[in-house]
Amino acid sequence: MSRNIYIYILVMAGVTYLIRLLPLTLIRKEIKNTYIRSFLYYVPYVTLSVMTFPAILGATANPWSAAAGFAAALILAYMRKSLISVSLISCASVFLVELVTGI
């Protein structure tokens, strides 16, 4: 059985196209259900979080330093600090934890 990469690419392109096309063709009216609207409102944020969180924990050599940086970022973001201060302090906390642990 010969495996042709172009067939795989064509199938993946078709599936991707259908996933994007079906909601546009099946749902033509405005969604009035508040539950569904609130669910769809938060989908992009949840998707970004699910993609970002594993990358945060695997970004450093030590998972404890990654957790410290993540905790610092969460606390500073909750306190509504600027993006540059959140990133700088998170990086500094990762650096300090790795410096203390010796990794």
C-alpha atoms as a PDB file:
ATOM      1  CA  MET A   1       0.000   0.000   0.000  1.00  0.00           C
ATOM      2  CA  SER A   2       1.563   3.243  -1.153  1.00  0.00           C
ATOM      3  CA  ARG A   3       1.212   6.190   1.197  1.00  0.00           C
ATOM      4  CA  ASN A   4       0.817   9.410  -0.690  1.00  0.00           C
ATOM      5  CA  ILE A   5       1.342  12.554   1.392  1.00  0.00           C
ATOM      6  CA  TYR A   6      -0.856  14.606  -0.921  1.00  0.00           C
ATOM      7  CA  ILE A   7      -3.876  12.496   0.001  1.00  0.00           C
ATOM      8  CA  TYR A   8      -3.253  13.185   3.691  1.00  0.00           C
ATOM      9  CA  ILE A   9      -2.905  16.907   3.036  1.00  0.00           C
ATOM     10  CA  LEU A  10      -6.085  16.926   0.954  1.00  0.00           C
ATOM     11  CA  VAL A  11      -8.062  15.120   3.674  1.00  0.00           C
ATOM     12  CA  MET A  12      -6.756  17.495   6.365  1.00  0.00           C
ATOM     13  CA  ALA A  13      -7.632  20.513   4.226  1.00  0.00           C
ATOM     14  CA  GLY A  14     -11.129  19.138   3.618  1.00  0.00           C
ATOM     15  CA  VAL A  15     -11.755  18.504   7.309  1.00  0.00           C
ATOM     16  CA  THR A  16     -10.463  21.960   8.259  1.00  0.00           C
ATOM     17  CA  TYR A  17     -12.629  23.580   5.602  1.00  0.00           C
ATOM     18  CA  LEU A  18     -15.742  21.693   6.709  1.00  0.00           C
ATOM     19  CA  ILE A  19     -15.224  22.625  10.349  1.00  0.00           C
ATOM     20  CA  ARG A  20     -15.194  26.279   9.370  1.00  0.00           C
ATOM     21  CA  LEU A  21     -17.911  26.062   6.735  1.00  0.00           C
ATOM     22  CA  LEU A  22     -20.598  24.060   8.550  1.00  0.00           C
ATOM     23  CA  PRO A  23     -21.393  26.616  11.266  1.00  0.00           C
ATOM     24  CA  LEU A  24     -21.757  29.325   8.626  1.00  0.00           C
ATOM     25  CA  THR A  25     -24.158  27.279   6.536  1.00  0.00           C
ATOM     26  CA  LEU A  26     -26.170  25.641   9.318  1.00  0.00           C
ATOM     27  CA  ILE A  27     -26.614  28.617  11.627  1.00  0.00           C
ATOM     28  CA  ARG A  28     -28.016  31.530   9.666  1.00  0.00           C
ATOM     29  CA  LYS A  29     -30.142  33.224  12.329  1.00  0.00           C
ATOM     30  CA  GLU A  30     -28.870  35.219  15.268  1.00  0.00           C
ATOM     31  CA  ILE A  31     -28.367  33.092  18.381  1.00  0.00           C
ATOM     32  CA  LYS A  32     -30.749  34.368  21.045  1.00  0.00           C
ATOM     33  CA  ASN A  33     -30.199  31.776  23.754  1.00  0.00           C
ATOM     34  CA  THR A  34     -28.227  33.498  26.520  1.00  0.00           C
ATOM     35  CA  TYR A  35     -26.553  30.274  27.651  1.00  0.00           C
ATOM     36  CA  ILE A  36     -25.198  29.486  24.180  1.00  0.00           C
ATOM     37  CA  ARG A  37     -24.167  33.119  23.625  1.00  0.00           C
ATOM     38  CA  SER A  38     -22.228  33.208  26.898  1.00  0.00           C
ATOM     39  CA  PHE A  39     -20.627  29.851  26.065  1.00  0.00           C
ATOM     40  CA  LEU A  40     -19.509  31.086  22.642  1.00  0.00           C
ATOM     41  CA  TYR A  41     -18.244  34.324  24.156  1.00  0.00           C
ATOM     42  CA  TYR A  42     -15.719  32.501  26.363  1.00  0.00           C
ATOM     43  CA  VAL A  43     -14.536  29.886  23.828  1.00  0.00           C
ATOM     44  CA  PRO A  44     -11.583  31.954  22.483  1.00  0.00           C
ATOM     45  CA  TYR A  45     -10.299  32.673  25.994  1.00  0.00           C
ATOM     46  CA  VAL A  46     -10.511  29.049  27.049  1.00  0.00           C
ATOM     47  CA  THR A  47      -8.816  27.871  23.865  1.00  0.00           C
ATOM     48  CA  LEU A  48      -5.952  30.303  24.355  1.00  0.00           C
ATOM     49  CA  SER A  49      -5.572  29.233  27.984  1.00  0.00           C
ATOM     50  CA  VAL A  50      -5.536  25.543  27.103  1.00  0.00           C
ATOM     51  CA  MET A  51      -2.813  26.117  24.526  1.00  0.00           C
ATOM     52  CA  THR A  52      -0.734  28.453  26.712  1.00  0.00           C
ATOM     53  CA  PHE A  53      -0.738  26.688  30.094  1.00  0.00           C
ATOM     54  CA  PRO A  54       1.255  23.568  29.068  1.00  0.00           C
ATOM     55  CA  ALA A  55       3.755  25.790  27.257  1.00  0.00           C
ATOM     56  CA  ILE A  56       4.269  27.819  30.430  1.00  0.00           C
ATOM     57  CA  LEU A  57       5.064  24.759  32.512  1.00  0.00           C
ATOM     58  CA  GLY A  58       7.438  23.345  29.912  1.00  0.00           C
ATOM     59  CA  ALA A  59       9.254  26.578  29.094  1.00  0.00           C
ATOM     60  CA  THR A  60      11.923  26.279  31.782  1.00  0.00           C
ATOM     61  CA  ALA A  61      14.252  23.538  32.947  1.00  0.00           C
ATOM     62  CA  ASN A  62      12.601  23.449  36.358  1.00  0.00           C
ATOM     63  CA  PRO A  63       8.821  23.090  36.754  1.00  0.00           C
ATOM     64  CA  TRP A  64       9.002  24.934  40.087  1.00  0.00           C
ATOM     65  CA  SER A  65      10.451  28.028  38.452  1.00  0.00           C
ATOM     66  CA  ALA A  66       7.762  27.872  35.771  1.00  0.00           C
ATOM     67  CA  ALA A  67       5.093  27.616  38.464  1.00  0.00           C
ATOM     68  CA  ALA A  68       6.628  30.591  40.314  1.00  0.00           C
ATOM     69  CA  GLY A  69       6.597  32.697  37.168  1.00  0.00           C
ATOM     70  CA  PHE A  70       3.028  31.668  36.426  1.00  0.00           C
ATOM     71  CA  ALA A  71       1.926  32.499  39.975  1.00  0.00           C
ATOM     72  CA  ALA A  72       3.630  35.884  39.794  1.00  0.00           C
ATOM     73  CA  ALA A  73       1.935  36.606  36.477  1.00  0.00           C
ATOM     74  CA  LEU A  74      -1.473  35.606  37.837  1.00  0.00           C
ATOM     75  CA  ILE A  75      -1.138  37.772  40.935  1.00  0.00           C
ATOM     76  CA  LEU A  76       0.099  40.807  39.012  1.00  0.00           C
ATOM     77  CA  ALA A  77      -2.539  40.411  36.317  1.00  0.00           C
ATOM     78  CA  TYR A  78      -5.228  40.158  38.994  1.00  0.00           C
ATOM     79  CA  MET A  79      -3.877  43.404  40.472  1.00  0.00           C
ATOM     80  CA  ARG A  80      -4.278  44.938  36.959  1.00  0.00           C
ATOM     81  CA  LYS A  81      -0.610  45.769  36.462  1.00  0.00           C
ATOM     82  CA  SER A  82       0.703  46.622  33.005  1.00  0.00           C
ATOM     83  CA  LEU A  83       1.751  43.897  30.603  1.00  0.00           C
ATOM     84  CA  ILE A  84       5.398  44.922  30.672  1.00  0.00           C
ATOM     85  CA  SER A  85       5.565  44.833  34.470  1.00  0.00           C
ATOM     86  CA  VAL A  86       3.827  41.435  34.576  1.00  0.00           C
ATOM     87  CA  SER A  87       6.265  39.952  32.079  1.00  0.00           C
ATOM     88  CA  LEU A  88       9.367  41.490  33.665  1.00  0.00           C
ATOM     89  CA  ILE A  89       8.493  40.433  37.204  1.00  0.00           C
ATOM     90  CA  SER A  90       7.493  36.944  36.034  1.00  0.00           C
ATOM     91  CA  CYS A  91      10.824  36.557  34.252  1.00  0.00           C
ATOM     92  CA  ALA A  92      12.646  37.821  37.329  1.00  0.00           C
ATOM     93  CA  SER A  93      10.831  35.324  39.556  1.00  0.00           C
ATOM     94  CA  VAL A  94      11.744  32.473  37.198  1.00  0.00           C
ATOM     95  CA  PHE A  95      15.357  33.639  37.213  1.00  0.00           C
ATOM     96  CA  LEU A  96      15.466  33.862  41.026  1.00  0.00           C
ATOM     97  CA  VAL A  97      13.927  30.422  41.542  1.00  0.00           C
ATOM     98  CA  GLU A  98      16.372  28.841  39.099  1.00  0.00           C
ATOM     99  CA  LEU A  99      19.228  30.718  40.731  1.00  0.00           C
ATOM    100  CA  VAL A 100      18.223  29.467  44.192  1.00  0.00           C
ATOM    101  CA  THR A 101      17.619  25.886  43.092  1.00  0.00           C
ATOM    102  CA  GLY A 102      20.861  25.759  41.096  1.00  0.00           C
ATOM    103  CA  ILE A 103      19.471  24.596  37.777  1.00  0.00           C
END
